[in-house]
Amino acid sequence: MSYFLWIEDFENSAKVTATEVLGGITTDGQQFSDNKQQLKKDLKAHGIYIELSFQDGLGFIRQNLNKIDYIILDIDLAAYSKGDQLNTDVLELLETFQDYKKPSNETEEEQLLR
């Protein structure tokens, strides 16, 4: 069995997005849940791990790369989840590849990273 890491923030309906991306991947005809946490649990049984932000996905990759074969990455993913703090791994990537400079104002920072 192949294992996937799907990094997706589900800006719209989790059920609709999962159906559009994964279609008939489950063999038991199971409907996808619209609850993100339930969807994570349900899809893990099918070898699909879900992380809800780039930061969480990067953390998963760094700790569990040997558990996955493929990565599906949301194209307009936020750097980190609301309520979380930007960690040094993501900050380093943004500084290196996006010439990002951390502003002193938290509101300005949130606008830049969303």
C-alpha atoms as a PDB file:
ATOM      1  CA  MET A   1       0.000   0.000   0.000  1.00  0.00           C
ATOM      2  CA  SER A   2       1.189   3.520  -0.790  1.00  0.00           C
ATOM      3  CA  TYR A   3       1.025   6.211   1.879  1.00  0.00           C
ATOM      4  CA  PHE A   4       0.184   9.853   1.251  1.00  0.00           C
ATOM      5  CA  LEU A   5       0.639  13.086   3.149  1.00  0.00           C
ATOM      6  CA  TRP A   6      -2.025  15.592   2.132  1.00  0.00           C
ATOM      7  CA  ILE A   7      -1.347  19.134   3.340  1.00  0.00           C
ATOM      8  CA  GLU A   8      -4.623  21.035   2.935  1.00  0.00           C
ATOM      9  CA  ASP A   9      -6.312  23.825   4.893  1.00  0.00           C
ATOM     10  CA  PHE A  10      -9.828  23.085   3.570  1.00  0.00           C
ATOM     11  CA  GLU A  11     -10.826  26.715   3.025  1.00  0.00           C
ATOM     12  CA  ASN A  12     -14.146  25.407   1.727  1.00  0.00           C
ATOM     13  CA  SER A  13     -16.019  22.246   2.637  1.00  0.00           C
ATOM     14  CA  ALA A  14     -13.683  19.429   3.708  1.00  0.00           C
ATOM     15  CA  LYS A  15     -16.137  16.874   2.308  1.00  0.00           C
ATOM     16  CA  VAL A  16     -16.344  18.542  -1.110  1.00  0.00           C
ATOM     17  CA  THR A  17     -12.570  19.049  -1.334  1.00  0.00           C
ATOM     18  CA  ALA A  18     -11.845  15.447  -0.305  1.00  0.00           C
ATOM     19  CA  THR A  19     -14.353  14.138  -2.845  1.00  0.00           C
ATOM     20  CA  GLU A  20     -12.860  16.277  -5.633  1.00  0.00           C
ATOM     21  CA  VAL A  21      -9.258  15.319  -4.838  1.00  0.00           C
ATOM     22  CA  LEU A  22      -9.640  11.708  -3.770  1.00  0.00           C
ATOM     23  CA  GLY A  23     -12.847  10.659  -5.532  1.00  0.00           C
ATOM     24  CA  GLY A  24     -13.371   6.929  -5.181  1.00  0.00           C
ATOM     25  CA  ILE A  25     -10.158   6.148  -3.313  1.00  0.00           C
ATOM     26  CA  THR A  26     -12.000   4.300  -0.566  1.00  0.00           C
ATOM     27  CA  THR A  27     -13.216   0.860  -1.545  1.00  0.00           C
ATOM     28  CA  ASP A  28     -16.090   0.693   0.925  1.00  0.00           C
ATOM     29  CA  GLY A  29     -18.049   3.588  -0.632  1.00  0.00           C
ATOM     30  CA  GLN A  30     -17.588   5.633   2.548  1.00  0.00           C
ATOM     31  CA  GLN A  31     -18.685   9.248   2.389  1.00  0.00           C
ATOM     32  CA  PHE A  32     -16.105  11.796   3.456  1.00  0.00           C
ATOM     33  CA  SER A  33     -16.766  13.783   6.639  1.00  0.00           C
ATOM     34  CA  ASP A  34     -17.054  17.566   6.556  1.00  0.00           C
ATOM     35  CA  ASN A  35     -15.352  17.686   9.971  1.00  0.00           C
ATOM     36  CA  LYS A  36     -11.595  18.121   9.416  1.00  0.00           C
ATOM     37  CA  GLN A  37     -10.545  16.093  12.471  1.00  0.00           C
ATOM     38  CA  GLN A  38     -12.897  13.225  11.609  1.00  0.00           C
ATOM     39  CA  LEU A  39     -11.693  13.290   8.001  1.00  0.00           C
ATOM     40  CA  LYS A  40      -8.081  13.044   9.236  1.00  0.00           C
ATOM     41  CA  LYS A  41      -8.990  10.013  11.327  1.00  0.00           C
ATOM     42  CA  ASP A  42     -11.007   8.321   8.569  1.00  0.00           C
ATOM     43  CA  LEU A  43      -8.401   8.788   5.843  1.00  0.00           C
ATOM     44  CA  LYS A  44      -5.516   7.645   8.039  1.00  0.00           C
ATOM     45  CA  ALA A  45      -7.120   4.178   7.889  1.00  0.00           C
ATOM     46  CA  HIS A  46      -6.612   4.352   4.098  1.00  0.00           C
ATOM     47  CA  GLY A  47      -2.951   5.412   4.306  1.00  0.00           C
ATOM     48  CA  ILE A  48      -3.598   9.140   3.899  1.00  0.00           C
ATOM     49  CA  TYR A  49      -2.221  11.473   6.568  1.00  0.00           C
ATOM     50  CA  ILE A  50      -3.650  15.008   6.633  1.00  0.00           C
ATOM     51  CA  GLU A  51      -1.974  18.098   8.035  1.00  0.00           C
ATOM     52  CA  LEU A  52      -3.813  21.423   8.007  1.00  0.00           C
ATOM     53  CA  SER A  53      -0.972  23.946   7.515  1.00  0.00           C
ATOM     54  CA  PHE A  54       2.398  24.152   5.813  1.00  0.00           C
ATOM     55  CA  GLN A  55       4.105  24.324   9.195  1.00  0.00           C
ATOM     56  CA  ASP A  56       2.357  21.162  10.432  1.00  0.00           C
ATOM     57  CA  GLY A  57       3.094  19.384   7.148  1.00  0.00           C
ATOM     58  CA  LEU A  58       6.773  20.314   7.308  1.00  0.00           C
ATOM     59  CA  GLY A  59       6.923  19.028  10.876  1.00  0.00           C
ATOM     60  CA  PHE A  60       5.315  15.750   9.795  1.00  0.00           C
ATOM     61  CA  ILE A  61       7.779  15.366   6.927  1.00  0.00           C
ATOM     62  CA  ARG A  62      10.783  16.029   9.148  1.00  0.00           C
ATOM     63  CA  GLN A  63       9.635  13.464  11.711  1.00  0.00           C
ATOM     64  CA  ASN A  64       7.938  10.848   9.511  1.00  0.00           C
ATOM     65  CA  LEU A  65       9.381  10.975   6.001  1.00  0.00           C
ATOM     66  CA  ASN A  66       9.866   7.218   6.068  1.00  0.00           C
ATOM     67  CA  LYS A  67       6.079   6.744   6.532  1.00  0.00           C
ATOM     68  CA  ILE A  68       4.977   8.397   3.268  1.00  0.00           C
ATOM     69  CA  ASP A  69       5.436   7.802  -0.443  1.00  0.00           C
ATOM     70  CA  TYR A  70       3.649  10.850  -1.902  1.00  0.00           C
ATOM     71  CA  ILE A  71       2.822  14.401  -0.847  1.00  0.00           C
ATOM     72  CA  ILE A  72      -0.226  16.357  -2.005  1.00  0.00           C
ATOM     73  CA  LEU A  73       0.285  20.059  -1.253  1.00  0.00           C
ATOM     74  CA  ASP A  74      -2.421  22.731  -1.357  1.00  0.00           C
ATOM     75  CA  ILE A  75      -1.248  25.458  -3.739  1.00  0.00           C
ATOM     76  CA  ASP A  76      -2.425  28.449  -1.643  1.00  0.00           C
ATOM     77  CA  LEU A  77      -1.683  27.080   1.795  1.00  0.00           C
ATOM     78  CA  ALA A  78      -1.173  29.407   4.755  1.00  0.00           C
ATOM     79  CA  ALA A  79       2.256  29.228   6.381  1.00  0.00           C
ATOM     80  CA  TYR A  80       0.765  28.238   9.745  1.00  0.00           C
ATOM     81  CA  SER A  81      -2.618  27.716  11.414  1.00  0.00           C
ATOM     82  CA  LYS A  82      -4.466  30.545  13.115  1.00  0.00           C
ATOM     83  CA  GLY A  83      -3.492  30.659  16.773  1.00  0.00           C
ATOM     84  CA  ASP A  84      -0.109  28.998  16.177  1.00  0.00           C
ATOM     85  CA  GLN A  85       3.244  30.748  16.263  1.00  0.00           C
ATOM     86  CA  LEU A  86       5.559  30.701  13.267  1.00  0.00           C
ATOM     87  CA  ASN A  87       8.332  28.227  14.081  1.00  0.00           C
ATOM     88  CA  THR A  88      11.998  28.574  13.138  1.00  0.00           C
ATOM     89  CA  ASP A  89      11.859  25.863  10.426  1.00  0.00           C
ATOM     90  CA  VAL A  90       9.198  27.715   8.433  1.00  0.00           C
ATOM     91  CA  LEU A  91      10.724  31.127   9.144  1.00  0.00           C
ATOM     92  CA  GLU A  92      14.083  29.911   7.813  1.00  0.00           C
ATOM     93  CA  LEU A  93      12.454  28.626   4.598  1.00  0.00           C
ATOM     94  CA  LEU A  94      10.574  31.885   4.086  1.00  0.00           C
ATOM     95  CA  GLU A  95      13.728  33.944   4.637  1.00  0.00           C
ATOM     96  CA  THR A  96      15.757  31.764   2.271  1.00  0.00           C
ATOM     97  CA  PHE A  97      13.289  31.319  -0.590  1.00  0.00           C
ATOM     98  CA  GLN A  98      10.973  34.326  -0.301  1.00  0.00           C
ATOM     99  CA  ASP A  99      13.385  36.980   1.042  1.00  0.00           C
ATOM    100  CA  TYR A 100      10.982  37.323   3.971  1.00  0.00           C
ATOM    101  CA  LYS A 101      11.824  39.729   6.769  1.00  0.00           C
ATOM    102  CA  LYS A 102       9.867  39.275   9.993  1.00  0.00           C
ATOM    103  CA  PRO A 103       8.052  42.547  10.801  1.00  0.00           C
ATOM    104  CA  SER A 104       7.846  43.810  14.369  1.00  0.00           C
ATOM    105  CA  ASN A 105       4.063  44.262  14.103  1.00  0.00           C
ATOM    106  CA  GLU A 106       2.095  40.981  14.524  1.00  0.00           C
ATOM    107  CA  THR A 107      -0.854  42.213  12.426  1.00  0.00           C
ATOM    108  CA  GLU A 108       1.446  43.062   9.524  1.00  0.00           C
ATOM    109  CA  GLU A 109       3.129  39.660   9.866  1.00  0.00           C
ATOM    110  CA  GLU A 110      -0.194  37.822   9.742  1.00  0.00           C
ATOM    111  CA  GLN A 111      -1.168  39.699   6.550  1.00  0.00           C
ATOM    112  CA  LEU A 112       2.135  38.775   4.896  1.00  0.00           C
ATOM    113  CA  LEU A 113       1.858  35.087   5.755  1.00  0.00           C
ATOM    114  CA  ARG A 114      -1.797  34.468   4.847  1.00  0.00           C
END
